[in-house]
């Protein structure tokens, strides 16, 4: 298994599609996780995320069903010398990464 992280924008998705192709040719299953994604609004994905998912899915990529949302907490954590794990349990920024890690652990089995 290989993890491809990509922002849901044209340049990143184009590169992710290339990596999907390369990894499939190497007989490795790639999992694509969208990162730095615009937040959900009224439980709906942004148009950029929706289009990115459609492009990746049409290319046969395996997609993580959640996203790492762009949050101002990330640069603040770095500034303070902290990590996501330093956030309280249930903090949205921490939850994003816990979901991704959980998906990776389940997928490896």
C-alpha atoms as a PDB file:
ATOM      1  CA  UNK A   1       0.000   0.000   0.000  1.00  0.00           C
ATOM      2  CA  UNK A   2       1.143   3.513  -0.787  1.00  0.00           C
ATOM      3  CA  UNK A   3      -0.383   6.738   0.448  1.00  0.00           C
ATOM      4  CA  UNK A   4      -0.694   9.664  -1.941  1.00  0.00           C
ATOM      5  CA  UNK A   5      -1.551  12.988  -0.318  1.00  0.00           C
ATOM      6  CA  UNK A   6      -2.857  15.681  -2.626  1.00  0.00           C
ATOM      7  CA  UNK A   7      -4.609  18.993  -2.337  1.00  0.00           C
ATOM      8  CA  UNK A   8      -7.873  19.088  -4.297  1.00  0.00           C
ATOM      9  CA  UNK A   9      -6.539  21.428  -6.957  1.00  0.00           C
ATOM     10  CA  UNK A  10      -5.602  20.889 -10.599  1.00  0.00           C
ATOM     11  CA  UNK A  11      -1.806  20.671 -10.254  1.00  0.00           C
ATOM     12  CA  UNK A  12      -1.870  18.334  -7.239  1.00  0.00           C
ATOM     13  CA  UNK A  13      -4.550  16.092  -8.712  1.00  0.00           C
ATOM     14  CA  UNK A  14      -2.647  15.832 -11.985  1.00  0.00           C
ATOM     15  CA  UNK A  15       0.436  14.672 -10.060  1.00  0.00           C
ATOM     16  CA  UNK A  16      -1.640  12.299  -7.938  1.00  0.00           C
ATOM     17  CA  UNK A  17      -3.043  10.746 -11.111  1.00  0.00           C
ATOM     18  CA  UNK A  18       0.494  10.191 -12.385  1.00  0.00           C
ATOM     19  CA  UNK A  19       1.454   8.523  -9.104  1.00  0.00           C
ATOM     20  CA  UNK A  20      -1.645   6.325  -9.193  1.00  0.00           C
ATOM     21  CA  UNK A  21      -0.569   5.120 -12.629  1.00  0.00           C
ATOM     22  CA  UNK A  22       3.053   4.519 -11.569  1.00  0.00           C
ATOM     23  CA  UNK A  23       2.075   2.649  -8.415  1.00  0.00           C
ATOM     24  CA  UNK A  24      -0.504   0.486 -10.156  1.00  0.00           C
ATOM     25  CA  UNK A  25       2.151  -0.489 -12.717  1.00  0.00           C
ATOM     26  CA  UNK A  26       4.373  -1.464  -9.775  1.00  0.00           C
ATOM     27  CA  UNK A  27       1.555  -3.695  -8.457  1.00  0.00           C
ATOM     28  CA  UNK A  28       1.023  -1.478  -5.415  1.00  0.00           C
ATOM     29  CA  UNK A  29      -2.401  -0.240  -4.389  1.00  0.00           C
ATOM     30  CA  UNK A  30      -2.383   3.532  -3.899  1.00  0.00           C
ATOM     31  CA  UNK A  31      -4.690   5.224  -1.404  1.00  0.00           C
ATOM     32  CA  UNK A  32      -5.313   8.904  -2.176  1.00  0.00           C
ATOM     33  CA  UNK A  33      -6.048  11.250   0.714  1.00  0.00           C
ATOM     34  CA  UNK A  34      -7.127  14.800  -0.005  1.00  0.00           C
ATOM     35  CA  UNK A  35      -5.322  17.312   2.203  1.00  0.00           C
ATOM     36  CA  UNK A  36      -5.537  21.073   2.723  1.00  0.00           C
ATOM     37  CA  UNK A  37      -9.117  20.760   1.547  1.00  0.00           C
ATOM     38  CA  UNK A  38     -11.707  23.488   1.968  1.00  0.00           C
ATOM     39  CA  UNK A  39     -13.977  22.768   4.944  1.00  0.00           C
ATOM     40  CA  UNK A  40     -17.334  21.092   4.634  1.00  0.00           C
ATOM     41  CA  UNK A  41     -20.250  23.515   4.522  1.00  0.00           C
ATOM     42  CA  UNK A  42     -23.629  22.207   5.648  1.00  0.00           C
ATOM     43  CA  UNK A  43     -22.084  18.699   5.481  1.00  0.00           C
ATOM     44  CA  UNK A  44     -21.291  19.170   1.770  1.00  0.00           C
ATOM     45  CA  UNK A  45     -17.913  19.062   0.071  1.00  0.00           C
ATOM     46  CA  UNK A  46     -16.646  22.081  -1.789  1.00  0.00           C
ATOM     47  CA  UNK A  47     -16.792  22.003  -5.589  1.00  0.00           C
ATOM     48  CA  UNK A  48     -12.981  21.654  -5.716  1.00  0.00           C
ATOM     49  CA  UNK A  49     -13.092  18.522  -3.547  1.00  0.00           C
ATOM     50  CA  UNK A  50     -16.016  17.058  -5.464  1.00  0.00           C
ATOM     51  CA  UNK A  51     -14.290  17.578  -8.836  1.00  0.00           C
ATOM     52  CA  UNK A  52     -11.000  16.176  -7.495  1.00  0.00           C
ATOM     53  CA  UNK A  53     -12.755  13.059  -6.221  1.00  0.00           C
ATOM     54  CA  UNK A  54     -14.513  12.576  -9.568  1.00  0.00           C
ATOM     55  CA  UNK A  55     -11.241  12.845 -11.509  1.00  0.00           C
ATOM     56  CA  UNK A  56      -9.426  10.456  -9.198  1.00  0.00           C
ATOM     57  CA  UNK A  57     -12.278   7.957  -9.135  1.00  0.00           C
ATOM     58  CA  UNK A  58     -12.574   7.965 -12.937  1.00  0.00           C
ATOM     59  CA  UNK A  59      -8.856   7.090 -13.090  1.00  0.00           C
ATOM     60  CA  UNK A  60      -9.431   4.097 -10.835  1.00  0.00           C
ATOM     61  CA  UNK A  61      -7.830   5.556  -7.723  1.00  0.00           C
ATOM     62  CA  UNK A  62      -8.787   4.296  -4.289  1.00  0.00           C
ATOM     63  CA  UNK A  63      -9.954   7.322  -2.336  1.00  0.00           C
ATOM     64  CA  UNK A  64     -10.063   7.930   1.387  1.00  0.00           C
ATOM     65  CA  UNK A  65     -13.646   8.920   2.085  1.00  0.00           C
ATOM     66  CA  UNK A  66     -12.716  11.774   4.434  1.00  0.00           C
ATOM     67  CA  UNK A  67     -10.330  14.703   4.031  1.00  0.00           C
ATOM     68  CA  UNK A  68      -7.683  16.638   5.909  1.00  0.00           C
ATOM     69  CA  UNK A  69      -9.282  20.055   6.135  1.00  0.00           C
ATOM     70  CA  UNK A  70      -7.159  23.177   5.813  1.00  0.00           C
ATOM     71  CA  UNK A  71      -7.010  24.650   9.319  1.00  0.00           C
ATOM     72  CA  UNK A  72      -5.218  27.595  10.860  1.00  0.00           C
ATOM     73  CA  UNK A  73      -4.298  25.344  13.788  1.00  0.00           C
ATOM     74  CA  UNK A  74      -1.528  23.620  11.809  1.00  0.00           C
ATOM     75  CA  UNK A  75       0.894  26.549  11.422  1.00  0.00           C
ATOM     76  CA  UNK A  76       0.120  27.624  15.000  1.00  0.00           C
ATOM     77  CA  UNK A  77       1.072  24.176  16.276  1.00  0.00           C
ATOM     78  CA  UNK A  78       4.359  24.315  14.385  1.00  0.00           C
ATOM     79  CA  UNK A  79       5.057  27.795  15.774  1.00  0.00           C
ATOM     80  CA  UNK A  80       4.562  26.458  19.308  1.00  0.00           C
ATOM     81  CA  UNK A  81       6.659  23.340  18.699  1.00  0.00           C
ATOM     82  CA  UNK A  82       3.619  21.097  19.033  1.00  0.00           C
ATOM     83  CA  UNK A  83       2.036  18.345  16.971  1.00  0.00           C
ATOM     84  CA  UNK A  84      -1.490  17.210  16.192  1.00  0.00           C
ATOM     85  CA  UNK A  85      -1.182  14.700  19.035  1.00  0.00           C
ATOM     86  CA  UNK A  86      -0.846  17.613  21.473  1.00  0.00           C
ATOM     87  CA  UNK A  87      -4.378  18.760  20.709  1.00  0.00           C
ATOM     88  CA  UNK A  88      -7.206  17.636  22.930  1.00  0.00           C
ATOM     89  CA  UNK A  89      -9.087  14.492  21.952  1.00  0.00           C
ATOM     90  CA  UNK A  90     -11.999  15.432  19.737  1.00  0.00           C
ATOM     91  CA  UNK A  91     -10.334  18.558  18.333  1.00  0.00           C
ATOM     92  CA  UNK A  92     -11.319  18.711  14.639  1.00  0.00           C
ATOM     93  CA  UNK A  93      -7.706  18.994  13.429  1.00  0.00           C
ATOM     94  CA  UNK A  94      -6.695  15.952  15.464  1.00  0.00           C
ATOM     95  CA  UNK A  95      -9.775  14.000  14.395  1.00  0.00           C
ATOM     96  CA  UNK A  96      -8.869  14.426  10.707  1.00  0.00           C
ATOM     97  CA  UNK A  97      -5.509  12.743  11.223  1.00  0.00           C
ATOM     98  CA  UNK A  98      -6.891  10.071  13.548  1.00  0.00           C
ATOM     99  CA  UNK A  99      -9.395   9.115  10.845  1.00  0.00           C
ATOM    100  CA  UNK A 100      -6.642   8.886   8.250  1.00  0.00           C
ATOM    101  CA  UNK A 101      -4.410   6.792  10.514  1.00  0.00           C
ATOM    102  CA  UNK A 102      -7.323   4.515  11.342  1.00  0.00           C
ATOM    103  CA  UNK A 103      -8.077   4.031   7.637  1.00  0.00           C
ATOM    104  CA  UNK A 104      -4.439   3.193   6.921  1.00  0.00           C
ATOM    105  CA  UNK A 105      -4.323   0.660   9.763  1.00  0.00           C
ATOM    106  CA  UNK A 106      -7.563  -1.003   8.620  1.00  0.00           C
ATOM    107  CA  UNK A 107      -6.454  -1.025   4.986  1.00  0.00           C
ATOM    108  CA  UNK A 108      -3.142  -2.742   5.749  1.00  0.00           C
ATOM    109  CA  UNK A 109      -4.887  -5.867   7.045  1.00  0.00           C
END
